[in-house]
Amino acid sequence: MIDDISIRYTDTFTDKNLTDPILIGGLPGIGQVGKLVAEYMIHMLGAEKIGEIHSIYLPPQVIIEETGVARLPRNEIYLYRAGHRDVVFIVGDFQSTSNEGHYLMTDAYLDIAAELGIKCIYTLGGFGVGHLVYAPRVFGATNNEALKAEVIQAGVTFDRDEPGGGIVGAAGLLLGMGGMRGIDAVCLMGETSGYVVDPMSAAGVLSVLSKLIAVPVDPTQLNVRAAEMEKVVQGLLESEKNHHDEELSYIG
């Protein structure tokens, strides 16, 4: 029988004494922005997988691998040792399917942070605006007023009215629940339509995050994907404008 939430570290992860560690959360969400950024960083940095998280709060299904083999959905923990600081990533297939599960799984992520001595968390996500965005901004939120100046200097926009309605899921709960446990947290949200996987938005978030954590990541491959998406968005926007102009001409 599977536990409600199980966290299993790999046999190779034996040294849990990390150097000035931070946690980056990049779970699936709007535009898959956070997931894109975190998984890109893991790939480019060559981060090591150190654990898996299974839970009954994840969707009741299996994932079919390219080999045709089925497995349960899971979230994964990765570690990159940068020398001056260690970076822990939490990524995965899904977020919780229930309100209760969101809280319980976030609590489990914070247990991981506490166990590994993490004092600061960066959560990544998308801020859906419901329309195509040619030059996406990066919005921010934090659970500690003292962090705002540094985050703004890195290029983040803090807007009283955005994101309206708050931040749903682990990206938001890690701020609120992390604050209750004395852990600083920042959420970086890339502006996105929310309709498609958005590498343009992800590239903006990666640029800001790299400055904040002082861990350089070569953005070339992500920027290439972003440039391709930029052309698509520009074409759609022009098509939309032409269609609108045609409608006005017909009405006139």
Protein backbone atom coordinates (compact mmCIF):
# COMPACT_ATOMS: atom_id res chain seq x y z
CA MET A 1 0.00 0.00 0.00
CA ILE A 2 1.37 3.38 -0.98
CA ASP A 3 1.78 5.94 1.79
CA ASP A 4 -0.18 9.19 1.64
CA ILE A 5 3.13 10.88 0.82
CA SER A 6 6.45 9.04 0.60
CA ILE A 7 9.87 10.66 0.20
CA ARG A 8 12.69 8.32 -0.75
CA TYR A 9 16.27 9.44 -1.27
CA THR A 10 18.63 7.53 -3.54
CA ASP A 11 21.27 5.27 -2.02
CA THR A 12 23.98 7.52 -3.46
CA PHE A 13 22.74 10.59 -1.57
CA THR A 14 24.51 10.10 1.75
CA ASP A 15 25.90 13.56 2.52
CA LYS A 16 23.02 15.81 3.57
CA ASN A 17 25.31 18.55 4.87
CA LEU A 18 24.80 21.09 2.12
CA THR A 19 26.55 24.42 1.54
CA ASP A 20 24.28 27.48 1.84
CA PRO A 21 21.49 25.55 0.09
CA ILE A 22 18.45 27.01 -1.66
CA LEU A 23 15.38 25.23 -3.01
CA ILE A 24 13.86 25.84 -6.44
CA GLY A 25 10.33 24.60 -7.01
CA GLY A 26 9.34 24.14 -10.65
CA LEU A 27 6.17 22.04 -10.74
CA PRO A 28 3.64 21.98 -13.61
CA GLY A 29 1.39 25.02 -13.91
CA ILE A 30 0.22 27.82 -16.20
CA GLY A 31 2.17 27.79 -19.47
CA GLN A 32 4.43 25.16 -17.86
CA VAL A 33 6.74 28.10 -17.17
CA GLY A 34 8.14 26.95 -13.83
CA LYS A 35 8.58 23.37 -15.01
CA LEU A 36 10.40 24.54 -18.15
CA VAL A 37 12.84 26.69 -16.19
CA ALA A 38 13.62 24.13 -13.49
CA GLU A 39 14.02 21.20 -15.88
CA TYR A 40 16.18 23.30 -18.21
CA MET A 41 18.45 24.24 -15.31
CA ILE A 42 18.69 20.63 -14.18
CA HIS A 43 19.70 19.59 -17.69
CA MET A 44 22.20 22.38 -18.30
CA LEU A 45 23.80 22.13 -14.86
CA GLY A 46 23.92 18.35 -14.84
CA ALA A 47 22.14 18.17 -11.49
CA GLU A 48 21.99 14.77 -9.80
CA LYS A 49 18.72 13.06 -8.97
CA ILE A 50 18.67 12.40 -5.24
CA GLY A 51 15.11 11.40 -4.49
CA GLU A 52 11.51 10.74 -5.47
CA ILE A 53 8.17 11.75 -3.99
CA HIS A 54 5.09 9.56 -4.46
CA SER A 55 1.65 10.41 -3.17
CA ILE A 56 -2.01 9.41 -3.30
CA TYR A 57 -2.71 13.13 -3.86
CA LEU A 58 -1.26 12.92 -7.36
CA PRO A 59 -3.63 11.93 -10.21
CA PRO A 60 -4.80 8.28 -10.21
CA GLN A 61 -3.02 7.15 -13.37
CA VAL A 62 0.28 5.84 -14.67
CA ILE A 63 2.82 7.50 -16.94
CA ILE A 64 3.78 5.54 -20.05
CA GLU A 65 7.49 5.92 -20.76
CA GLU A 66 8.92 5.97 -24.31
CA THR A 67 9.89 2.32 -23.79
CA GLY A 68 6.24 1.41 -23.21
CA VAL A 69 6.82 0.75 -19.52
CA ALA A 70 4.29 2.23 -17.08
CA ARG A 71 5.14 3.94 -13.80
CA LEU A 72 3.29 5.86 -11.11
CA PRO A 73 3.32 9.67 -11.33
CA ARG A 74 5.96 11.23 -9.12
CA ASN A 75 7.83 14.34 -8.23
CA GLU A 76 11.61 14.29 -8.15
CA ILE A 77 14.39 15.91 -6.14
CA TYR A 78 17.64 16.99 -7.78
CA LEU A 79 20.83 18.48 -6.37
CA TYR A 80 23.45 20.70 -7.99
CA ARG A 81 26.60 21.53 -6.02
CA ALA A 82 27.81 24.89 -7.29
CA GLY A 83 30.72 25.19 -4.86
CA HIS A 84 29.68 28.40 -3.16
CA ARG A 85 26.13 27.10 -2.71
CA ASP A 86 24.06 24.00 -3.32
CA VAL A 87 20.82 24.11 -5.28
CA VAL A 88 18.00 21.64 -4.64
CA PHE A 89 15.23 21.30 -7.24
CA ILE A 90 11.75 19.85 -6.87
CA VAL A 91 10.15 19.04 -10.24
CA GLY A 92 7.67 16.47 -11.38
CA ASP A 93 4.73 15.17 -13.33
CA PHE A 94 1.83 16.83 -11.53
CA GLN A 95 0.65 18.89 -8.62
CA SER A 96 -2.01 17.64 -6.22
CA THR A 97 -5.53 16.99 -7.45
CA SER A 98 -7.15 18.20 -4.20
CA ASN A 99 -7.04 21.24 -1.93
CA GLU A 100 -6.03 19.09 1.03
CA GLY A 101 -3.29 17.46 -1.01
CA HIS A 102 -1.81 20.83 -1.97
CA TYR A 103 -1.34 21.69 1.69
CA LEU A 104 -0.02 18.28 2.71
CA MET A 105 2.41 18.00 -0.19
CA THR A 106 3.67 21.54 0.39
CA ASP A 107 4.26 20.60 4.01
CA ALA A 108 6.28 17.62 2.78
CA TYR A 109 8.38 19.89 0.53
CA LEU A 110 9.05 22.11 3.53
CA ASP A 111 10.07 19.06 5.55
CA ILE A 112 12.66 18.35 2.85
CA ALA A 113 13.86 21.96 3.06
CA ALA A 114 14.16 21.77 6.84
CA GLU A 115 16.00 18.45 6.70
CA LEU A 116 18.53 19.83 4.20
CA GLY A 117 19.05 23.12 6.04
CA ILE A 118 17.44 25.29 3.36
CA LYS A 119 16.69 28.87 4.45
CA CYS A 120 15.41 30.32 1.17
CA ILE A 121 13.02 28.98 -1.48
CA TYR A 122 12.37 30.20 -5.02
CA THR A 123 9.13 29.03 -6.58
CA LEU A 124 8.56 29.39 -10.31
CA GLY A 125 5.36 29.66 -12.28
CA GLY A 126 3.35 31.38 -14.95
CA PHE A 127 1.04 34.36 -14.61
CA GLY A 128 -1.78 33.80 -17.08
CA VAL A 129 -3.19 36.94 -18.68
CA GLY A 130 -5.52 35.25 -21.15
CA HIS A 131 -4.04 36.79 -24.29
CA LEU A 132 -0.88 36.47 -26.36
CA VAL A 133 2.15 38.28 -24.91
CA TYR A 134 4.99 39.49 -27.13
CA ALA A 135 7.31 40.80 -24.39
CA PRO A 136 6.46 38.92 -21.17
CA ARG A 137 7.26 40.53 -17.84
CA VAL A 138 8.29 38.68 -14.69
CA PHE A 139 6.05 39.31 -11.70
CA GLY A 140 7.08 38.60 -8.13
CA ALA A 141 5.84 37.94 -4.63
CA THR A 142 7.70 37.25 -1.41
CA ASN A 143 6.96 36.35 2.18
CA ASN A 144 9.60 38.75 3.51
CA GLU A 145 9.53 42.49 2.81
CA ALA A 146 13.32 42.62 3.21
CA LEU A 147 13.77 40.57 0.02
CA LYS A 148 11.85 42.91 -2.28
CA ALA A 149 14.64 45.38 -3.12
CA GLU A 150 16.99 42.66 -4.35
CA VAL A 151 14.25 40.98 -6.37
CA ILE A 152 13.17 44.25 -8.00
CA GLN A 153 16.78 45.04 -8.88
CA ALA A 154 16.95 41.69 -10.71
CA GLY A 155 14.14 42.84 -12.98
CA VAL A 156 10.98 41.66 -11.25
CA THR A 157 7.75 43.66 -11.25
CA PHE A 158 5.74 43.91 -8.04
CA ASP A 159 2.21 45.08 -8.84
CA ARG A 160 -0.54 45.44 -6.26
CA ASP A 161 -3.20 44.21 -8.69
CA GLU A 162 -1.18 41.43 -10.30
CA PRO A 163 -1.44 38.56 -9.84
CA GLY A 164 -5.07 39.14 -8.95
CA GLY A 165 -6.63 36.43 -6.84
CA GLY A 166 -3.34 35.22 -5.41
CA ILE A 167 -1.01 32.35 -6.35
CA VAL A 168 -2.56 28.89 -6.51
CA GLY A 169 -0.77 25.64 -5.70
CA ALA A 170 2.67 24.89 -4.33
CA ALA A 171 4.19 28.04 -5.89
CA GLY A 172 2.04 30.13 -3.55
CA LEU A 173 1.71 27.83 -0.55
CA LEU A 174 5.47 27.51 -0.19
CA LEU A 175 5.53 31.25 0.49
CA GLY A 176 2.73 31.23 3.04
CA MET A 177 3.56 27.98 4.80
CA GLY A 178 7.30 28.60 4.47
CA GLY A 179 6.91 31.90 6.29
CA MET A 180 5.18 30.10 9.16
CA ARG A 181 8.25 27.87 9.47
CA GLY A 182 10.77 30.71 9.25
CA ILE A 183 11.86 30.02 5.67
CA ASP A 184 12.19 32.97 3.27
CA ALA A 185 10.53 32.46 -0.09
CA VAL A 186 10.19 34.28 -3.41
CA CYS A 187 7.81 33.45 -6.25
CA LEU A 188 8.78 34.39 -9.80
CA MET A 189 5.94 34.34 -12.33
CA GLY A 190 6.46 34.76 -16.05
CA GLU A 191 3.69 36.58 -17.87
CA THR A 192 2.03 34.17 -20.32
CA SER A 193 -1.16 33.68 -22.26
CA GLY A 194 -1.72 30.38 -20.47
CA TYR A 195 -2.76 28.74 -23.75
CA VAL A 196 0.52 27.07 -24.70
CA VAL A 197 3.82 25.90 -23.26
CA ASP A 198 5.70 29.19 -23.12
CA PRO A 199 9.52 29.21 -23.53
CA MET A 200 9.48 33.01 -24.01
CA SER A 201 8.12 33.48 -20.52
CA ALA A 202 10.46 30.79 -19.16
CA ALA A 203 13.50 32.57 -20.64
CA GLY A 204 12.57 35.75 -18.78
CA VAL A 205 12.18 33.89 -15.49
CA LEU A 206 15.49 32.08 -15.99
CA SER A 207 17.30 35.39 -16.56
CA VAL A 208 15.96 36.85 -13.32
CA LEU A 209 16.54 33.70 -11.27
CA SER A 210 20.15 33.34 -12.42
CA LYS A 211 20.88 36.85 -11.14
CA LEU A 212 19.19 36.22 -7.80
CA ILE A 213 20.91 32.95 -6.96
CA ALA A 214 24.29 33.81 -8.56
CA VAL A 215 24.39 30.46 -10.37
CA PRO A 216 25.02 31.08 -14.08
CA VAL A 217 23.09 28.93 -16.54
CA ASP A 218 23.75 29.06 -20.30
CA PRO A 219 20.40 30.29 -21.68
CA THR A 220 21.21 29.64 -25.35
CA GLN A 221 19.00 26.61 -25.96
CA LEU A 222 16.05 28.09 -24.13
CA ASN A 223 16.50 31.41 -25.93
CA VAL A 224 16.40 29.59 -29.27
CA ARG A 225 13.07 28.03 -28.33
CA ALA A 226 11.88 31.41 -27.08
CA ALA A 227 12.84 33.08 -30.39
CA GLU A 228 10.89 30.45 -32.31
CA MET A 229 7.84 31.05 -30.10
CA GLU A 230 8.32 34.82 -30.48
CA LYS A 231 7.93 34.51 -34.25
CA VAL A 232 4.77 32.45 -33.79
CA VAL A 233 3.29 34.95 -31.34
CA GLN A 234 4.19 37.91 -33.57
CA GLY A 235 2.49 36.23 -36.50
CA LEU A 236 -0.63 35.52 -34.47
CA LEU A 237 -0.76 39.09 -33.18
CA GLU A 238 -0.43 40.50 -36.70
CA SER A 239 -3.13 38.14 -37.95
CA GLU A 240 -5.38 39.20 -35.10
CA LYS A 241 -4.77 42.90 -35.88
CA ASN A 242 -5.45 42.43 -39.59
CA HIS A 243 -8.67 40.60 -38.83
CA HIS A 244 -9.73 43.40 -36.51
CA ASP A 245 -8.89 46.06 -39.14
CA GLU A 246 -10.92 44.16 -41.72
CA GLU A 247 -13.91 44.07 -39.39
CA LEU A 248 -13.68 47.85 -38.80
CA SER A 249 -13.41 48.48 -42.56
CA TYR A 250 -16.49 46.39 -43.18
CA ILE A 251 -18.46 48.20 -40.47
CA GLY A 252 -17.40 51.62 -41.84
